[in-house]
Amino acid sequence: MSDKATGVDAIFFSVKDVPRAIAFYRELLSIAETSWEAEYGAEWILGDGTAFGVGAYSSGEYKPSGCVLFAVPDVETLAKRVPQIGGTLIEGVRDFPNCRAQWCEDPDGNSFVLHQRTAP
């Protein structure tokens, strides 16, 4: 058995309000969570097998951190939904040589990006 990491099993955000976070990401991702405990958090398995989740923030002063890029087929379409479900759009859609991206924040201030590849 090796003592080296072999990959990332899941990406989780700490949140202050678990039910609100579950509702937000359920709507944003358009899929039901694959496991959840309303008091503690939830996890979603995305189409490519990546796991994303939210968990209850447990101690000290809350500070949002981290960022996840969600692969989406159409940045503009999904970006329109973000403010409607309680999130915030940061600036506008940005075009890069290989992608389009919209930076956002969830209701707890965690950063995420709606990310659309435009080239391999």
PDB file of N, CA and C in Angstrom:
ATOM      1  N   MET A   1       0.851  -1.188   0.000  1.00  0.00           N
ATOM      2  CA  MET A   1       0.000   0.000   0.000  1.00  0.00           C
ATOM      3  C   MET A   1       0.893   1.246   0.000  1.00  0.00           C
ATOM      4  N   SER A   2       0.574   2.201  -0.847  1.00  0.00           N
ATOM      5  CA  SER A   2       1.339   3.431  -0.957  1.00  0.00           C
ATOM      6  C   SER A   2       0.855   4.463   0.049  1.00  0.00           C
ATOM      7  N   ASP A   3       1.751   5.344   0.458  1.00  0.00           N
ATOM      8  CA  ASP A   3       1.362   6.419   1.367  1.00  0.00           C
ATOM      9  C   ASP A   3       1.171   7.740   0.617  1.00  0.00           C
ATOM     10  N   LYS A   4       1.027   7.675  -0.711  1.00  0.00           N
ATOM     11  CA  LYS A   4       0.839   8.870  -1.527  1.00  0.00           C
ATOM     12  C   LYS A   4      -0.632   9.095  -1.815  1.00  0.00           C
ATOM     13  N   ALA A   5      -1.024  10.355  -1.858  1.00  0.00           N
ATOM     14  CA  ALA A   5      -2.395  10.686  -2.246  1.00  0.00           C
ATOM     15  C   ALA A   5      -2.607  10.268  -3.693  1.00  0.00           C
ATOM     16  N   THR A   6      -3.802   9.773  -3.995  1.00  0.00           N
ATOM     17  CA  THR A   6      -4.087   9.301  -5.349  1.00  0.00           C
ATOM     18  C   THR A   6      -5.090  10.165  -6.089  1.00  0.00           C
ATOM     19  N   GLY A   7      -5.636  11.174  -5.427  1.00  0.00           N
ATOM     20  CA  GLY A   7      -6.605  12.048  -6.066  1.00  0.00           C
ATOM     21  C   GLY A   7      -7.395  12.815  -5.030  1.00  0.00           C
ATOM     22  N   VAL A   8      -8.422  13.488  -5.483  1.00  0.00           N
ATOM     23  CA  VAL A   8      -9.313  14.243  -4.604  1.00  0.00           C
ATOM     24  C   VAL A   8     -10.644  13.506  -4.550  1.00  0.00           C
ATOM     25  N   ASP A   9     -11.069  13.093  -3.367  1.00  0.00           N
ATOM     26  CA  ASP A   9     -12.346  12.387  -3.238  1.00  0.00           C
ATOM     27  C   ASP A   9     -13.527  13.335  -3.296  1.00  0.00           C
ATOM     28  N   ALA A  10     -13.376  14.525  -2.706  1.00  0.00           N
ATOM     29  CA  ALA A  10     -14.494  15.473  -2.679  1.00  0.00           C
ATOM     30  C   ALA A  10     -13.982  16.869  -2.374  1.00  0.00           C
ATOM     31  N   ILE A  11     -14.732  17.840  -2.806  1.00  0.00           N
ATOM     32  CA  ILE A  11     -14.481  19.249  -2.477  1.00  0.00           C
ATOM     33  C   ILE A  11     -15.675  19.708  -1.661  1.00  0.00           C
ATOM     34  N   PHE A  12     -15.429  20.241  -0.462  1.00  0.00           N
ATOM     35  CA  PHE A  12     -16.503  20.676   0.426  1.00  0.00           C
ATOM     36  C   PHE A  12     -16.331  22.138   0.809  1.00  0.00           C
ATOM     37  N   PHE A  13     -17.449  22.836   0.951  1.00  0.00           N
ATOM     38  CA  PHE A  13     -17.472  24.177   1.522  1.00  0.00           C
ATOM     39  C   PHE A  13     -18.061  24.090   2.915  1.00  0.00           C
ATOM     40  N   SER A  14     -17.495  24.860   3.840  1.00  0.00           N
ATOM     41  CA  SER A  14     -18.123  25.041   5.142  1.00  0.00           C
ATOM     42  C   SER A  14     -19.189  26.119   4.992  1.00  0.00           C
ATOM     43  N   VAL A  15     -20.346  25.890   5.603  1.00  0.00           N
ATOM     44  CA  VAL A  15     -21.444  26.853   5.503  1.00  0.00           C
ATOM     45  C   VAL A  15     -22.058  27.103   6.870  1.00  0.00           C
ATOM     46  N   LYS A  16     -22.666  28.270   7.023  1.00  0.00           N
ATOM     47  CA  LYS A  16     -23.326  28.632   8.284  1.00  0.00           C
ATOM     48  C   LYS A  16     -24.729  28.060   8.363  1.00  0.00           C
ATOM     49  N   ASP A  17     -25.428  28.019   7.249  1.00  0.00           N
ATOM     50  CA  ASP A  17     -26.827  27.603   7.225  1.00  0.00           C
ATOM     51  C   ASP A  17     -26.954  26.403   6.280  1.00  0.00           C
ATOM     52  N   VAL A  18     -26.914  25.202   6.846  1.00  0.00           N
ATOM     53  CA  VAL A  18     -26.909  23.981   6.039  1.00  0.00           C
ATOM     54  C   VAL A  18     -28.151  23.843   5.158  1.00  0.00           C
ATOM     55  N   PRO A  19     -29.374  23.985   5.691  1.00  0.00           N
ATOM     56  CA  PRO A  19     -30.546  23.845   4.813  1.00  0.00           C
ATOM     57  C   PRO A  19     -30.550  24.846   3.648  1.00  0.00           C
ATOM     58  N   ARG A  20     -30.137  26.085   3.916  1.00  0.00           N
ATOM     59  CA  ARG A  20     -30.081  27.085   2.844  1.00  0.00           C
ATOM     60  C   ARG A  20     -29.050  26.680   1.803  1.00  0.00           C
ATOM     61  N   ALA A  21     -27.883  26.209   2.233  1.00  0.00           N
ATOM     62  CA  ALA A  21     -26.834  25.798   1.301  1.00  0.00           C
ATOM     63  C   ALA A  21     -27.279  24.606   0.462  1.00  0.00           C
ATOM     64  N   ILE A  22     -27.932  23.633   1.092  1.00  0.00           N
ATOM     65  CA  ILE A  22     -28.424  22.475   0.344  1.00  0.00           C
ATOM     66  C   ILE A  22     -29.424  22.918  -0.717  1.00  0.00           C
ATOM     67  N   ALA A  23     -30.349  23.787  -0.357  1.00  0.00           N
ATOM     68  CA  ALA A  23     -31.343  24.274  -1.323  1.00  0.00           C
ATOM     69  C   ALA A  23     -30.667  25.038  -2.464  1.00  0.00           C
ATOM     70  N   PHE A  24     -29.679  25.881  -2.133  1.00  0.00           N
ATOM     71  CA  PHE A  24     -28.980  26.672  -3.140  1.00  0.00           C
ATOM     72  C   PHE A  24     -28.278  25.764  -4.145  1.00  0.00           C
ATOM     73  N   TYR A  25     -27.472  24.819  -3.668  1.00  0.00           N
ATOM     74  CA  TYR A  25     -26.708  23.970  -4.581  1.00  0.00           C
ATOM     75  C   TYR A  25     -27.581  22.944  -5.286  1.00  0.00           C
ATOM     76  N   ARG A  26     -28.645  22.501  -4.665  1.00  0.00           N
ATOM     77  CA  ARG A  26     -29.589  21.601  -5.348  1.00  0.00           C
ATOM     78  C   ARG A  26     -30.149  22.315  -6.579  1.00  0.00           C
ATOM     79  N   GLU A  27     -30.524  23.588  -6.413  1.00  0.00           N
ATOM     80  CA  GLU A  27     -31.071  24.371  -7.525  1.00  0.00           C
ATOM     81  C   GLU A  27     -29.982  24.715  -8.537  1.00  0.00           C
ATOM     82  N   LEU A  28     -28.814  25.145  -8.071  1.00  0.00           N
ATOM     83  CA  LEU A  28     -27.732  25.527  -8.978  1.00  0.00           C
ATOM     84  C   LEU A  28     -27.278  24.353  -9.827  1.00  0.00           C
ATOM     85  N   LEU A  29     -27.047  23.208  -9.200  1.00  0.00           N
ATOM     86  CA  LEU A  29     -26.517  22.052  -9.912  1.00  0.00           C
ATOM     87  C   LEU A  29     -27.582  21.259 -10.658  1.00  0.00           C
ATOM     88  N   SER A  30     -28.839  21.523 -10.369  1.00  0.00           N
ATOM     89  CA  SER A  30     -29.975  20.849 -11.008  1.00  0.00           C
ATOM     90  C   SER A  30     -29.956  19.337 -10.819  1.00  0.00           C
ATOM     91  N   ILE A  31     -29.403  18.895  -9.696  1.00  0.00           N
ATOM     92  CA  ILE A  31     -29.435  17.474  -9.358  1.00  0.00           C
ATOM     93  C   ILE A  31     -29.678  17.327  -7.863  1.00  0.00           C
ATOM     94  N   ALA A  32     -30.259  16.220  -7.503  1.00  0.00           N
ATOM     95  CA  ALA A  32     -30.488  15.933  -6.089  1.00  0.00           C
ATOM     96  C   ALA A  32     -29.176  15.489  -5.454  1.00  0.00           C
ATOM     97  N   GLU A  33     -29.024  15.794  -4.202  1.00  0.00           N
ATOM     98  CA  GLU A  33     -27.831  15.367  -3.481  1.00  0.00           C
ATOM     99  C   GLU A  33     -27.828  13.841  -3.368  1.00  0.00           C
ATOM    100  N   THR A  34     -26.637  13.261  -3.380  1.00  0.00           N
ATOM    101  CA  THR A  34     -26.521  11.809  -3.311  1.00  0.00           C
ATOM    102  C   THR A  34     -26.497  11.317  -1.872  1.00  0.00           C
ATOM    103  N   SER A  35     -26.123  12.168  -0.953  1.00  0.00           N
ATOM    104  CA  SER A  35     -26.201  11.846   0.467  1.00  0.00           C
ATOM    105  C   SER A  35     -26.365  13.160   1.220  1.00  0.00           C
ATOM    106  N   TRP A  36     -27.101  13.101   2.332  1.00  0.00           N
ATOM    107  CA  TRP A  36     -27.270  14.315   3.103  1.00  0.00           C
ATOM    108  C   TRP A  36     -27.817  14.015   4.481  1.00  0.00           C
ATOM    109  N   GLU A  37     -27.476  14.911   5.381  1.00  0.00           N
ATOM    110  CA  GLU A  37     -28.040  14.950   6.723  1.00  0.00           C
ATOM    111  C   GLU A  37     -28.321  16.424   6.957  1.00  0.00           C
ATOM    112  N   ALA A  38     -29.569  16.780   7.059  1.00  0.00           N
ATOM    113  CA  ALA A  38     -29.978  18.186   7.094  1.00  0.00           C
ATOM    114  C   ALA A  38     -29.189  19.007   8.103  1.00  0.00           C
ATOM    115  N   GLU A  39     -28.814  18.415   9.220  1.00  0.00           N
ATOM    116  CA  GLU A  39     -28.089  19.160  10.250  1.00  0.00           C
ATOM    117  C   GLU A  39     -26.602  19.319   9.934  1.00  0.00           C
ATOM    118  N   TYR A  40     -26.039  18.356   9.199  1.00  0.00           N
ATOM    119  CA  TYR A  40     -24.592  18.322   9.005  1.00  0.00           C
ATOM    120  C   TYR A  40     -24.109  18.690   7.612  1.00  0.00           C
ATOM    121  N   GLY A  41     -24.883  18.415   6.576  1.00  0.00           N
ATOM    122  CA  GLY A  41     -24.442  18.761   5.242  1.00  0.00           C
ATOM    123  C   GLY A  41     -24.947  17.809   4.182  1.00  0.00           C
ATOM    124  N   ALA A  42     -24.413  17.974   2.968  1.00  0.00           N
ATOM    125  CA  ALA A  42     -24.849  17.157   1.836  1.00  0.00           C
ATOM    126  C   ALA A  42     -23.704  17.018   0.846  1.00  0.00           C
ATOM    127  N   GLU A  43     -23.818  16.001   0.005  1.00  0.00           N
ATOM    128  CA  GLU A  43     -22.828  15.765  -1.036  1.00  0.00           C
ATOM    129  C   GLU A  43     -23.541  15.443  -2.342  1.00  0.00           C
ATOM    130  N   TRP A  44     -22.986  15.932  -3.441  1.00  0.00           N
ATOM    131  CA  TRP A  44     -23.494  15.663  -4.783  1.00  0.00           C
ATOM    132  C   TRP A  44     -22.393  14.972  -5.571  1.00  0.00           C
ATOM    133  N   ILE A  45     -22.746  13.945  -6.316  1.00  0.00           N
ATOM    134  CA  ILE A  45     -21.803  13.325  -7.244  1.00  0.00           C
ATOM    135  C   ILE A  45     -22.162  13.865  -8.628  1.00  0.00           C
ATOM    136  N   LEU A  46     -21.237  14.598  -9.217  1.00  0.00           N
ATOM    137  CA  LEU A  46     -21.481  15.227 -10.510  1.00  0.00           C
ATOM    138  C   LEU A  46     -21.307  14.214 -11.636  1.00  0.00           C
ATOM    139  N   GLY A  47     -21.687  14.595 -12.826  1.00  0.00           N
ATOM    140  CA  GLY A  47     -21.692  13.698 -13.971  1.00  0.00           C
ATOM    141  C   GLY A  47     -20.358  13.033 -14.271  1.00  0.00           C
ATOM    142  N   ASP A  48     -19.251  13.697 -13.947  1.00  0.00           N
ATOM    143  CA  ASP A  48     -17.935  13.119 -14.222  1.00  0.00           C
ATOM    144  C   ASP A  48     -17.392  12.310 -13.044  1.00  0.00           C
ATOM    145  N   GLY A  49     -18.203  12.163 -11.992  1.00  0.00           N
ATOM    146  CA  GLY A  49     -17.784  11.400 -10.826  1.00  0.00           C
ATOM    147  C   GLY A  49     -17.182  12.233  -9.714  1.00  0.00           C
ATOM    148  N   THR A  50     -16.961  13.523  -9.943  1.00  0.00           N
ATOM    149  CA  THR A  50     -16.435  14.406  -8.912  1.00  0.00           C
ATOM    150  C   THR A  50     -17.489  14.611  -7.834  1.00  0.00           C
ATOM    151  N   ALA A  51     -17.056  14.622  -6.590  1.00  0.00           N
ATOM    152  CA  ALA A  51     -17.976  14.866  -5.479  1.00  0.00           C
ATOM    153  C   ALA A  51     -17.791  16.294  -4.975  1.00  0.00           C
ATOM    154  N   PHE A  52     -18.904  16.971  -4.734  1.00  0.00           N
ATOM    155  CA  PHE A  52     -18.917  18.315  -4.163  1.00  0.00           C
ATOM    156  C   PHE A  52     -19.898  18.303  -3.009  1.00  0.00           C
ATOM    157  N   GLY A  53     -19.556  18.998  -1.927  1.00  0.00           N
ATOM    158  CA  GLY A  53     -20.478  19.008  -0.802  1.00  0.00           C
ATOM    159  C   GLY A  53     -20.392  20.259   0.040  1.00  0.00           C
ATOM    160  N   VAL A  54     -21.327  20.363   0.959  1.00  0.00           N
ATOM    161  CA  VAL A  54     -21.354  21.441   1.944  1.00  0.00           C
ATOM    162  C   VAL A  54     -21.482  20.802   3.317  1.00  0.00           C
ATOM    163  N   GLY A  55     -20.830  21.431   4.304  1.00  0.00           N
ATOM    164  CA  GLY A  55     -20.889  20.910   5.658  1.00  0.00           C
ATOM    165  C   GLY A  55     -21.031  22.026   6.663  1.00  0.00           C
ATOM    166  N   ALA A  56     -21.598  21.711   7.815  1.00  0.00           N
ATOM    167  CA  ALA A  56     -21.823  22.706   8.864  1.00  0.00           C
ATOM    168  C   ALA A  56     -20.502  23.240   9.388  1.00  0.00           C
ATOM    169  N   TYR A  57     -20.406  24.561   9.462  1.00  0.00           N
ATOM    170  CA  TYR A  57     -19.239  25.200  10.053  1.00  0.00           C
ATOM    171  C   TYR A  57     -19.322  24.994  11.553  1.00  0.00           C
ATOM    172  N   SER A  58     -18.236  24.568  12.172  1.00  0.00           N
ATOM    173  CA  SER A  58     -18.359  24.105  13.549  1.00  0.00           C
ATOM    174  C   SER A  58     -17.815  25.008  14.647  1.00  0.00           C
ATOM    175  N   SER A  59     -16.779  25.795  14.402  1.00  0.00           N
ATOM    176  CA  SER A  59     -16.243  26.566  15.527  1.00  0.00           C
ATOM    177  C   SER A  59     -15.518  27.815  15.064  1.00  0.00           C
ATOM    178  N   GLY A  60     -15.412  28.775  15.989  1.00  0.00           N
ATOM    179  CA  GLY A  60     -14.706  30.016  15.703  1.00  0.00           C
ATOM    180  C   GLY A  60     -15.483  30.931  14.780  1.00  0.00           C
ATOM    181  N   GLU A  61     -14.810  31.963  14.335  1.00  0.00           N
ATOM    182  CA  GLU A  61     -15.434  32.933  13.435  1.00  0.00           C
ATOM    183  C   GLU A  61     -15.494  32.351  12.023  1.00  0.00           C
ATOM    184  N   TYR A  62     -16.658  32.431  11.409  1.00  0.00           N
ATOM    185  CA  TYR A  62     -16.835  31.899  10.071  1.00  0.00           C
ATOM    186  C   TYR A  62     -16.107  32.753   9.045  1.00  0.00           C
ATOM    187  N   LYS A  63     -15.355  32.097   8.158  1.00  0.00           N
ATOM    188  CA  LYS A  63     -14.696  32.777   7.047  1.00  0.00           C
ATOM    189  C   LYS A  63     -14.842  31.894   5.819  1.00  0.00           C
ATOM    190  N   PRO A  64     -15.510  32.390   4.777  1.00  0.00           N
ATOM    191  CA  PRO A  64     -15.606  31.592   3.558  1.00  0.00           C
ATOM    192  C   PRO A  64     -14.209  31.380   2.969  1.00  0.00           C
ATOM    193  N   SER A  65     -14.027  30.255   2.290  1.00  0.00           N
ATOM    194  CA  SER A  65     -12.721  29.991   1.694  1.00  0.00           C
ATOM    195  C   SER A  65     -12.865  29.044   0.519  1.00  0.00           C
ATOM    196  N   GLY A  66     -11.810  28.952  -0.239  1.00  0.00           N
ATOM    197  CA  GLY A  66     -11.778  28.020  -1.350  1.00  0.00           C
ATOM    198  C   GLY A  66     -12.572  28.497  -2.551  1.00  0.00           C
ATOM    199  N   CYS A  67     -12.473  27.709  -3.600  1.00  0.00           N
ATOM    200  CA  CYS A  67     -13.212  28.003  -4.821  1.00  0.00           C
ATOM    201  C   CYS A  67     -13.298  26.717  -5.624  1.00  0.00           C
ATOM    202  N   VAL A  68     -14.447  26.487  -6.233  1.00  0.00           N
ATOM    203  CA  VAL A  68     -14.620  25.335  -7.095  1.00  0.00           C
ATOM    204  C   VAL A  68     -15.119  25.831  -8.444  1.00  0.00           C
ATOM    205  N   LEU A  69     -14.647  25.215  -9.519  1.00  0.00           N
ATOM    206  CA  LEU A  69     -15.108  25.550 -10.862  1.00  0.00           C
ATOM    207  C   LEU A  69     -16.039  24.439 -11.322  1.00  0.00           C
ATOM    208  N   PHE A  70     -17.303  24.789 -11.560  1.00  0.00           N
ATOM    209  CA  PHE A  70     -18.283  23.823 -12.043  1.00  0.00           C
ATOM    210  C   PHE A  70     -18.288  23.848 -13.567  1.00  0.00           C
ATOM    211  N   ALA A  71     -18.089  22.696 -14.196  1.00  0.00           N
ATOM    212  CA  ALA A  71     -18.152  22.596 -15.655  1.00  0.00           C
ATOM    213  C   ALA A  71     -19.612  22.713 -16.080  1.00  0.00           C
ATOM    214  N   VAL A  72     -19.908  23.685 -16.936  1.00  0.00           N
ATOM    215  CA  VAL A  72     -21.274  23.909 -17.400  1.00  0.00           C
ATOM    216  C   VAL A  72     -21.269  24.050 -18.928  1.00  0.00           C
ATOM    217  N   PRO A  73     -22.387  23.709 -19.580  1.00  0.00           N
ATOM    218  CA  PRO A  73     -22.438  23.822 -21.036  1.00  0.00           C
ATOM    219  C   PRO A  73     -22.681  25.249 -21.530  1.00  0.00           C
ATOM    220  N   ASP A  74     -23.260  26.115 -20.682  1.00  0.00           N
ATOM    221  CA  ASP A  74     -23.598  27.474 -21.099  1.00  0.00           C
ATOM    222  C   ASP A  74     -23.539  28.405 -19.890  1.00  0.00           C
ATOM    223  N   VAL A  75     -22.470  29.170 -19.793  1.00  0.00           N
ATOM    224  CA  VAL A  75     -22.249  30.046 -18.639  1.00  0.00           C
ATOM    225  C   VAL A  75     -23.386  31.046 -18.463  1.00  0.00           C
ATOM    226  N   GLU A  76     -23.782  31.735 -19.533  1.00  0.00           N
ATOM    227  CA  GLU A  76     -24.786  32.788 -19.408  1.00  0.00           C
ATOM    228  C   GLU A  76     -26.122  32.263 -18.886  1.00  0.00           C
ATOM    229  N   THR A  77     -26.545  31.131 -19.383  1.00  0.00           N
ATOM    230  CA  THR A  77     -27.834  30.573 -18.970  1.00  0.00           C
ATOM    231  C   THR A  77     -27.842  30.279 -17.477  1.00  0.00           C
ATOM    232  N   LEU A  78     -26.821  29.615 -16.981  1.00  0.00           N
ATOM    233  CA  LEU A  78     -26.776  29.280 -15.564  1.00  0.00           C
ATOM    234  C   LEU A  78     -26.525  30.520 -14.703  1.00  0.00           C
ATOM    235  N   ALA A  79     -25.749  31.473 -15.194  1.00  0.00           N
ATOM    236  CA  ALA A  79     -25.469  32.687 -14.428  1.00  0.00           C
ATOM    237  C   ALA A  79     -26.753  33.464 -14.124  1.00  0.00           C
ATOM    238  N   LYS A  80     -27.705  33.433 -15.023  1.00  0.00           N
ATOM    239  CA  LYS A  80     -28.976  34.129 -14.786  1.00  0.00           C
ATOM    240  C   LYS A  80     -29.698  33.569 -13.567  1.00  0.00           C
ATOM    241  N   ARG A  81     -29.494  32.294 -13.283  1.00  0.00           N
ATOM    242  CA  ARG A  81     -30.179  31.646 -12.170  1.00  0.00           C
ATOM    243  C   ARG A  81     -29.565  31.997 -10.812  1.00  0.00           C
ATOM    244  N   VAL A  82     -28.264  32.302 -10.784  1.00  0.00           N
ATOM    245  CA  VAL A  82     -27.553  32.506  -9.512  1.00  0.00           C
ATOM    246  C   VAL A  82     -28.221  33.551  -8.611  1.00  0.00           C
ATOM    247  N   PRO A  83     -28.493  34.776  -9.068  1.00  0.00           N
ATOM    248  CA  PRO A  83     -29.133  35.753  -8.177  1.00  0.00           C
ATOM    249  C   PRO A  83     -30.554  35.355  -7.782  1.00  0.00           C
ATOM    250  N   GLN A  84     -31.236  34.627  -8.641  1.00  0.00           N
ATOM    251  CA  GLN A  84     -32.616  34.216  -8.355  1.00  0.00           C
ATOM    252  C   GLN A  84     -32.685  33.231  -7.197  1.00  0.00           C
ATOM    253  N   ILE A  85     -31.601  32.498  -6.947  1.00  0.00           N
ATOM    254  CA  ILE A  85     -31.614  31.503  -5.875  1.00  0.00           C
ATOM    255  C   ILE A  85     -30.771  31.924  -4.680  1.00  0.00           C
ATOM    256  N   GLY A  86     -30.381  33.202  -4.628  1.00  0.00           N
ATOM    257  CA  GLY A  86     -29.722  33.736  -3.437  1.00  0.00           C
ATOM    258  C   GLY A  86     -28.231  33.939  -3.531  1.00  0.00           C
ATOM    259  N   GLY A  87     -27.638  33.677  -4.688  1.00  0.00           N
ATOM    260  CA  GLY A  87     -26.202  33.876  -4.857  1.00  0.00           C
ATOM    261  C   GLY A  87     -25.899  35.247  -5.450  1.00  0.00           C
ATOM    262  N   THR A  88     -24.613  35.519  -5.629  1.00  0.00           N
ATOM    263  CA  THR A  88     -24.157  36.809  -6.143  1.00  0.00           C
ATOM    264  C   THR A  88     -23.223  36.588  -7.324  1.00  0.00           C
ATOM    265  N   LEU A  89     -23.415  37.362  -8.377  1.00  0.00           N
ATOM    266  CA  LEU A  89     -22.498  37.346  -9.514  1.00  0.00           C
ATOM    267  C   LEU A  89     -21.395  38.353  -9.241  1.00  0.00           C
ATOM    268  N   ILE A  90     -20.164  37.973  -9.493  1.00  0.00           N
ATOM    269  CA  ILE A  90     -19.010  38.856  -9.304  1.00  0.00           C
ATOM    270  C   ILE A  90     -18.535  39.273 -10.691  1.00  0.00           C
ATOM    271  N   GLU A  91     -18.659  40.550 -10.984  1.00  0.00           N
ATOM    272  CA  GLU A  91     -18.337  41.070 -12.308  1.00  0.00           C
ATOM    273  C   GLU A  91     -19.177  40.376 -13.359  1.00  0.00           C
ATOM    274  N   GLY A  92     -18.697  40.314 -14.576  1.00  0.00           N
ATOM    275  CA  GLY A  92     -19.440  39.666 -15.649  1.00  0.00           C
ATOM    276  C   GLY A  92     -18.704  38.446 -16.155  1.00  0.00           C
ATOM    277  N   VAL A  93     -19.245  37.849 -17.182  1.00  0.00           N
ATOM    278  CA  VAL A  93     -18.603  36.689 -17.793  1.00  0.00           C
ATOM    279  C   VAL A  93     -17.288  37.147 -18.420  1.00  0.00           C
ATOM    280  N   ARG A  94     -16.237  36.381 -18.178  1.00  0.00           N
ATOM    281  CA  ARG A  94     -14.926  36.698 -18.749  1.00  0.00           C
ATOM    282  C   ARG A  94     -14.549  35.625 -19.752  1.00  0.00           C
ATOM    283  N   ASP A  95     -13.980  36.066 -20.861  1.00  0.00           N
ATOM    284  CA  ASP A  95     -13.512  35.151 -21.896  1.00  0.00           C
ATOM    285  C   ASP A  95     -12.002  34.995 -21.792  1.00  0.00           C
ATOM    286  N   PHE A  96     -11.550  33.762 -21.845  1.00  0.00           N
ATOM    287  CA  PHE A  96     -10.136  33.429 -21.823  1.00  0.00           C
ATOM    288  C   PHE A  96      -9.845  32.606 -23.074  1.00  0.00           C
ATOM    289  N   PRO A  97      -8.573  32.361 -23.393  1.00  0.00           N
ATOM    290  CA  PRO A  97      -8.265  31.618 -24.621  1.00  0.00           C
ATOM    291  C   PRO A  97      -8.951  30.253 -24.724  1.00  0.00           C
ATOM    292  N   ASN A  98      -9.138  29.554 -23.592  1.00  0.00           N
ATOM    293  CA  ASN A  98      -9.696  28.206 -23.643  1.00  0.00           C
ATOM    294  C   ASN A  98     -11.018  28.038 -22.910  1.00  0.00           C
ATOM    295  N   CYS A  99     -11.568  29.147 -22.398  1.00  0.00           N
ATOM    296  CA  CYS A  99     -12.793  28.990 -21.615  1.00  0.00           C
ATOM    297  C   CYS A  99     -13.523  30.313 -21.448  1.00  0.00           C
ATOM    298  N   ARG A 100     -14.738  30.211 -20.906  1.00  0.00           N
ATOM    299  CA  ARG A 100     -15.537  31.365 -20.471  1.00  0.00           C
ATOM    300  C   ARG A 100     -15.835  31.112 -19.005  1.00  0.00           C
ATOM    301  N   ALA A 101     -15.870  32.156 -18.193  1.00  0.00           N
ATOM    302  CA  ALA A 101     -16.037  31.952 -16.760  1.00  0.00           C
ATOM    303  C   ALA A 101     -16.828  33.081 -16.121  1.00  0.00           C
ATOM    304  N   GLN A 102     -17.666  32.709 -15.163  1.00  0.00           N
ATOM    305  CA  GLN A 102     -18.430  33.671 -14.371  1.00  0.00           C
ATOM    306  C   GLN A 102     -18.137  33.376 -12.897  1.00  0.00           C
ATOM    307  N   TRP A 103     -17.484  34.326 -12.201  1.00  0.00           N
ATOM    308  CA  TRP A 103     -17.232  34.169 -10.770  1.00  0.00           C
ATOM    309  C   TRP A 103     -18.502  34.503 -10.012  1.00  0.00           C
ATOM    310  N   CYS A 104     -18.766  33.732  -8.954  1.00  0.00           N
ATOM    311  CA  CYS A 104     -19.986  33.866  -8.165  1.00  0.00           C
ATOM    312  C   CYS A 104     -19.680  33.621  -6.692  1.00  0.00           C
ATOM    313  N   GLU A 105     -20.664  33.948  -5.843  1.00  0.00           N
ATOM    314  CA  GLU A 105     -20.605  33.585  -4.432  1.00  0.00           C
ATOM    315  C   GLU A 105     -21.925  32.960  -4.041  1.00  0.00           C
ATOM    316  N   ASP A 106     -21.849  31.945  -3.164  1.00  0.00           N
ATOM    317  CA  ASP A 106     -23.073  31.355  -2.628  1.00  0.00           C
ATOM    318  C   ASP A 106     -23.581  32.236  -1.483  1.00  0.00           C
ATOM    319  N   PRO A 107     -24.718  31.919  -0.872  1.00  0.00           N
ATOM    320  CA  PRO A 107     -25.256  32.766   0.194  1.00  0.00           C
ATOM    321  C   PRO A 107     -24.340  32.903   1.412  1.00  0.00           C
ATOM    322  N   ASP A 108     -23.364  32.005   1.585  1.00  0.00           N
ATOM    323  CA  ASP A 108     -22.421  32.102   2.699  1.00  0.00           C
ATOM    324  C   ASP A 108     -21.130  32.813   2.317  1.00  0.00           C
ATOM    325  N   GLY A 109     -21.013  33.280   1.080  1.00  0.00           N
ATOM    326  CA  GLY A 109     -19.821  33.986   0.638  1.00  0.00           C
ATOM    327  C   GLY A 109     -18.733  33.101   0.061  1.00  0.00           C
ATOM    328  N   ASN A 110     -18.991  31.793  -0.094  1.00  0.00           N
ATOM    329  CA  ASN A 110     -18.016  30.903  -0.722  1.00  0.00           C
ATOM    330  C   ASN A 110     -17.974  31.175  -2.223  1.00  0.00           C
ATOM    331  N   SER A 111     -16.774  31.191  -2.781  1.00  0.00           N
ATOM    332  CA  SER A 111     -16.604  31.456  -4.209  1.00  0.00           C
ATOM    333  C   SER A 111     -16.766  30.192  -5.039  1.00  0.00           C
ATOM    334  N   PHE A 112     -17.408  30.345  -6.173  1.00  0.00           N
ATOM    335  CA  PHE A 112     -17.454  29.280  -7.170  1.00  0.00           C
ATOM    336  C   PHE A 112     -17.472  29.930  -8.537  1.00  0.00           C
ATOM    337  N   VAL A 113     -17.097  29.159  -9.539  1.00  0.00           N
ATOM    338  CA  VAL A 113     -17.026  29.666 -10.906  1.00  0.00           C
ATOM    339  C   VAL A 113     -17.857  28.754 -11.795  1.00  0.00           C
ATOM    340  N   LEU A 114     -18.681  29.360 -12.623  1.00  0.00           N
ATOM    341  CA  LEU A 114     -19.363  28.638 -13.690  1.00  0.00           C
ATOM    342  C   LEU A 114     -18.376  28.646 -14.853  1.00  0.00           C
ATOM    343  N   HIS A 115     -17.934  27.477 -15.282  1.00  0.00           N
ATOM    344  CA  HIS A 115     -16.782  27.361 -16.182  1.00  0.00           C
ATOM    345  C   HIS A 115     -17.162  26.573 -17.426  1.00  0.00           C
ATOM    346  N   GLN A 116     -16.983  27.194 -18.574  1.00  0.00           N
ATOM    347  CA  GLN A 116     -17.330  26.578 -19.855  1.00  0.00           C
ATOM    348  C   GLN A 116     -16.075  26.496 -20.721  1.00  0.00           C
ATOM    349  N   ARG A 117     -15.614  25.290 -20.998  1.00  0.00           N
ATOM    350  CA  ARG A 117     -14.455  25.128 -21.870  1.00  0.00           C
ATOM    351  C   ARG A 117     -14.851  25.461 -23.305  1.00  0.00           C
ATOM    352  N   THR A 118     -13.992  26.198 -23.983  1.00  0.00           N
ATOM    353  CA  THR A 118     -14.249  26.544 -25.386  1.00  0.00           C
ATOM    354  C   THR A 118     -13.245  25.883 -26.308  1.00  0.00           C
ATOM    355  N   ALA A 119     -12.189  25.299 -25.740  1.00  0.00           N
ATOM    356  CA  ALA A 119     -11.174  24.573 -26.500  1.00  0.00           C
ATOM    357  C   ALA A 119     -10.672  23.424 -25.623  1.00  0.00           C
ATOM    358  N   PRO A 120     -10.191  22.366 -26.267  1.00  0.00           N
ATOM    359  CA  PRO A 120      -9.706  21.212 -25.482  1.00  0.00           C
ATOM    360  C   PRO A 120      -8.561  21.565 -24.557  1.00  0.00           C
TER     361      PRO A 120
END
